Amino acid sequence: MGEWTDKAKGKVKETVGVATGDRSLEAEGKADTLKGKVKGVVEDVKHAIKDKSDEREEVRRGDADPYQR
């Protein structure tokens, strides 16, 4: 599942777990929420690496000023 789906599913499970006193369901919800957050961070890192790679390729080809930020 995607980042947002995992986060939403986790929050629902966590809330239901708290409301019903089901600590196992609450913990499962927290784990799902964390899983969604990790997926988001991984995607951010992948995008940052791709952007940096694209910048380096532009500089290598001479399409961009390497000192411009």
N, C-alpha and C. Protein backbone atom coordinates (compact mmCIF):
# COMPACT_ATOMS: atom_id res chain seq x y z
N MET A 1 0.83 -1.18 0.00
CA MET A 1 0.00 0.00 0.00
C MET A 1 0.87 1.24 0.00
N GLY A 2 0.26 2.35 -0.27
CA GLY A 2 0.99 3.60 -0.34
C GLY A 2 1.17 4.25 1.01
N GLU A 3 1.97 5.29 0.98
CA GLU A 3 2.29 6.03 2.20
C GLU A 3 1.04 6.52 2.92
N TRP A 4 0.16 7.19 2.18
CA TRP A 4 -1.03 7.79 2.80
C TRP A 4 -2.01 6.71 3.27
N THR A 5 -2.10 5.63 2.53
CA THR A 5 -3.00 4.54 2.91
C THR A 5 -2.54 3.91 4.22
N ASP A 6 -1.24 3.65 4.32
CA ASP A 6 -0.71 3.05 5.55
C ASP A 6 -0.92 3.98 6.74
N LYS A 7 -0.67 5.27 6.54
CA LYS A 7 -0.86 6.22 7.64
C LYS A 7 -2.32 6.26 8.09
N ALA A 8 -3.24 6.33 7.14
CA ALA A 8 -4.67 6.40 7.47
C ALA A 8 -5.14 5.12 8.15
N LYS A 9 -4.76 3.99 7.59
CA LYS A 9 -5.13 2.71 8.16
C LYS A 9 -4.58 2.58 9.58
N GLY A 10 -3.34 3.02 9.76
CA GLY A 10 -2.72 2.96 11.07
C GLY A 10 -3.43 3.82 12.10
N LYS A 11 -3.79 5.03 11.70
CA LYS A 11 -4.49 5.92 12.63
C LYS A 11 -5.84 5.35 13.04
N VAL A 12 -6.55 4.74 12.07
CA VAL A 12 -7.86 4.15 12.39
C VAL A 12 -7.68 2.99 13.38
N LYS A 13 -6.73 2.11 13.10
CA LYS A 13 -6.48 0.98 13.99
C LYS A 13 -6.07 1.46 15.39
N GLU A 14 -5.20 2.46 15.41
CA GLU A 14 -4.73 2.97 16.70
C GLU A 14 -5.89 3.57 17.49
N THR A 15 -6.73 4.34 16.83
CA THR A 15 -7.88 4.97 17.50
C THR A 15 -8.86 3.92 18.02
N VAL A 16 -9.16 2.94 17.19
CA VAL A 16 -10.09 1.88 17.60
C VAL A 16 -9.47 1.08 18.74
N GLY A 17 -8.18 0.83 18.66
CA GLY A 17 -7.51 0.10 19.73
C GLY A 17 -7.58 0.83 21.06
N VAL A 18 -7.38 2.15 21.02
CA VAL A 18 -7.46 2.95 22.24
C VAL A 18 -8.89 2.94 22.77
N ALA A 19 -9.86 3.13 21.87
CA ALA A 19 -11.27 3.21 22.27
C ALA A 19 -11.78 1.91 22.88
N THR A 20 -11.29 0.78 22.36
CA THR A 20 -11.77 -0.52 22.84
C THR A 20 -10.86 -1.13 23.90
N GLY A 21 -9.72 -0.50 24.15
CA GLY A 21 -8.79 -1.05 25.12
C GLY A 21 -7.97 -2.20 24.57
N ASP A 22 -7.96 -2.36 23.26
CA ASP A 22 -7.21 -3.43 22.60
C ASP A 22 -5.80 -2.93 22.31
N ARG A 23 -4.88 -3.22 23.22
CA ARG A 23 -3.50 -2.72 23.09
C ARG A 23 -2.80 -3.31 21.88
N SER A 24 -3.16 -4.53 21.50
CA SER A 24 -2.55 -5.16 20.34
C SER A 24 -2.93 -4.41 19.06
N LEU A 25 -4.21 -4.06 18.94
CA LEU A 25 -4.67 -3.31 17.77
C LEU A 25 -4.06 -1.91 17.76
N GLU A 26 -3.95 -1.31 18.92
CA GLU A 26 -3.32 0.01 19.03
C GLU A 26 -1.87 -0.05 18.56
N ALA A 27 -1.15 -1.07 18.99
CA ALA A 27 0.25 -1.23 18.59
C ALA A 27 0.37 -1.49 17.09
N GLU A 28 -0.54 -2.30 16.56
CA GLU A 28 -0.55 -2.58 15.12
C GLU A 28 -0.79 -1.28 14.34
N GLY A 29 -1.67 -0.46 14.84
CA GLY A 29 -1.95 0.83 14.21
C GLY A 29 -0.73 1.74 14.21
N LYS A 30 -0.03 1.78 15.34
CA LYS A 30 1.18 2.59 15.43
C LYS A 30 2.23 2.08 14.44
N ALA A 31 2.33 0.77 14.31
CA ALA A 31 3.29 0.18 13.37
C ALA A 31 2.93 0.55 11.93
N ASP A 32 1.64 0.49 11.59
CA ASP A 32 1.21 0.85 10.24
C ASP A 32 1.49 2.32 9.94
N THR A 33 1.24 3.18 10.93
CA THR A 33 1.51 4.61 10.77
C THR A 33 2.99 4.85 10.54
N LEU A 34 3.82 4.19 11.32
CA LEU A 34 5.26 4.32 11.15
C LEU A 34 5.70 3.82 9.78
N LYS A 35 5.12 2.71 9.34
CA LYS A 35 5.44 2.16 8.03
C LYS A 35 5.13 3.19 6.94
N GLY A 36 4.02 3.88 7.06
CA GLY A 36 3.67 4.92 6.09
C GLY A 36 4.66 6.07 6.11
N LYS A 37 5.09 6.47 7.30
CA LYS A 37 6.07 7.55 7.42
C LYS A 37 7.40 7.15 6.78
N VAL A 38 7.82 5.91 7.01
CA VAL A 38 9.07 5.42 6.43
C VAL A 38 8.98 5.42 4.90
N LYS A 39 7.86 4.98 4.38
CA LYS A 39 7.67 5.00 2.92
C LYS A 39 7.80 6.42 2.38
N GLY A 40 7.26 7.38 3.10
CA GLY A 40 7.35 8.78 2.67
C GLY A 40 8.80 9.27 2.65
N VAL A 41 9.56 8.93 3.68
CA VAL A 41 10.96 9.34 3.75
C VAL A 41 11.76 8.69 2.62
N VAL A 42 11.49 7.42 2.36
CA VAL A 42 12.20 6.72 1.28
C VAL A 42 11.91 7.40 -0.06
N GLU A 43 10.66 7.76 -0.29
CA GLU A 43 10.30 8.44 -1.54
C GLU A 43 11.00 9.80 -1.64
N ASP A 44 11.05 10.53 -0.53
CA ASP A 44 11.74 11.83 -0.53
C ASP A 44 13.22 11.67 -0.88
N VAL A 45 13.85 10.66 -0.31
CA VAL A 45 15.27 10.41 -0.58
C VAL A 45 15.46 10.03 -2.05
N LYS A 46 14.59 9.18 -2.57
CA LYS A 46 14.69 8.79 -3.98
C LYS A 46 14.58 10.00 -4.90
N HIS A 47 13.65 10.90 -4.59
CA HIS A 47 13.48 12.10 -5.40
C HIS A 47 14.70 13.01 -5.30
N ALA A 48 15.26 13.15 -4.11
CA ALA A 48 16.44 14.00 -3.92
C ALA A 48 17.63 13.45 -4.69
N ILE A 49 17.80 12.14 -4.67
CA ILE A 49 18.90 11.51 -5.40
C ILE A 49 18.70 11.71 -6.90
N LYS A 50 17.48 11.52 -7.38
CA LYS A 50 17.20 11.70 -8.82
C LYS A 50 17.45 13.15 -9.23
N ASP A 51 16.98 14.11 -8.41
CA ASP A 51 17.20 15.52 -8.72
C ASP A 51 18.68 15.86 -8.80
N LYS A 52 19.45 15.37 -7.83
CA LYS A 52 20.88 15.64 -7.81
C LYS A 52 21.56 14.99 -9.01
N SER A 53 21.14 13.79 -9.35
CA SER A 53 21.69 13.10 -10.52
C SER A 53 21.38 13.88 -11.80
N ASP A 54 20.16 14.39 -11.90
CA ASP A 54 19.78 15.19 -13.07
C ASP A 54 20.63 16.46 -13.16
N GLU A 55 20.85 17.11 -12.01
CA GLU A 55 21.68 18.32 -11.99
C GLU A 55 23.09 18.01 -12.45
N ARG A 56 23.65 16.93 -11.95
CA ARG A 56 25.02 16.54 -12.32
C ARG A 56 25.10 16.24 -13.81
N GLU A 57 24.08 15.62 -14.35
CA GLU A 57 24.06 15.31 -15.78
C GLU A 57 24.00 16.59 -16.60
N GLU A 58 23.21 17.57 -16.17
CA GLU A 58 23.14 18.85 -16.87
C GLU A 58 24.49 19.55 -16.86
N VAL A 59 25.16 19.52 -15.72
CA VAL A 59 26.49 20.14 -15.62
C VAL A 59 27.47 19.41 -16.52
N ARG A 60 27.41 18.09 -16.51
CA ARG A 60 28.32 17.30 -17.33
C ARG A 60 28.15 17.62 -18.81
N ARG A 61 26.89 17.80 -19.23
CA ARG A 61 26.61 18.11 -20.64
C ARG A 61 26.87 19.58 -20.96
N GLY A 62 27.02 20.39 -19.93
CA GLY A 62 27.24 21.81 -20.15
C GLY A 62 25.96 22.60 -20.27
N ASP A 63 24.84 22.01 -19.87
CA ASP A 63 23.53 22.68 -19.96
C ASP A 63 23.24 23.59 -18.78
N ALA A 64 24.04 23.50 -17.73
CA ALA A 64 23.75 24.29 -16.52
C ALA A 64 25.04 24.84 -15.94
N ASP A 65 24.91 25.92 -15.22
CA ASP A 65 26.03 26.52 -14.51
C ASP A 65 26.23 25.74 -13.21
N PRO A 66 27.39 25.12 -13.00
CA PRO A 66 27.59 24.30 -11.81
C PRO A 66 27.60 25.11 -10.52
N TYR A 67 27.77 26.42 -10.60
CA TYR A 67 27.84 27.26 -9.41
C TYR A 67 26.52 27.95 -9.10
N GLN A 68 25.54 27.76 -9.96
CA GLN A 68 24.23 28.38 -9.76
C GLN A 68 23.41 27.55 -8.77
N ARG A 69 22.80 28.20 -7.81
CA ARG A 69 21.97 27.50 -6.83
C ARG A 69 20.66 28.15 -6.71
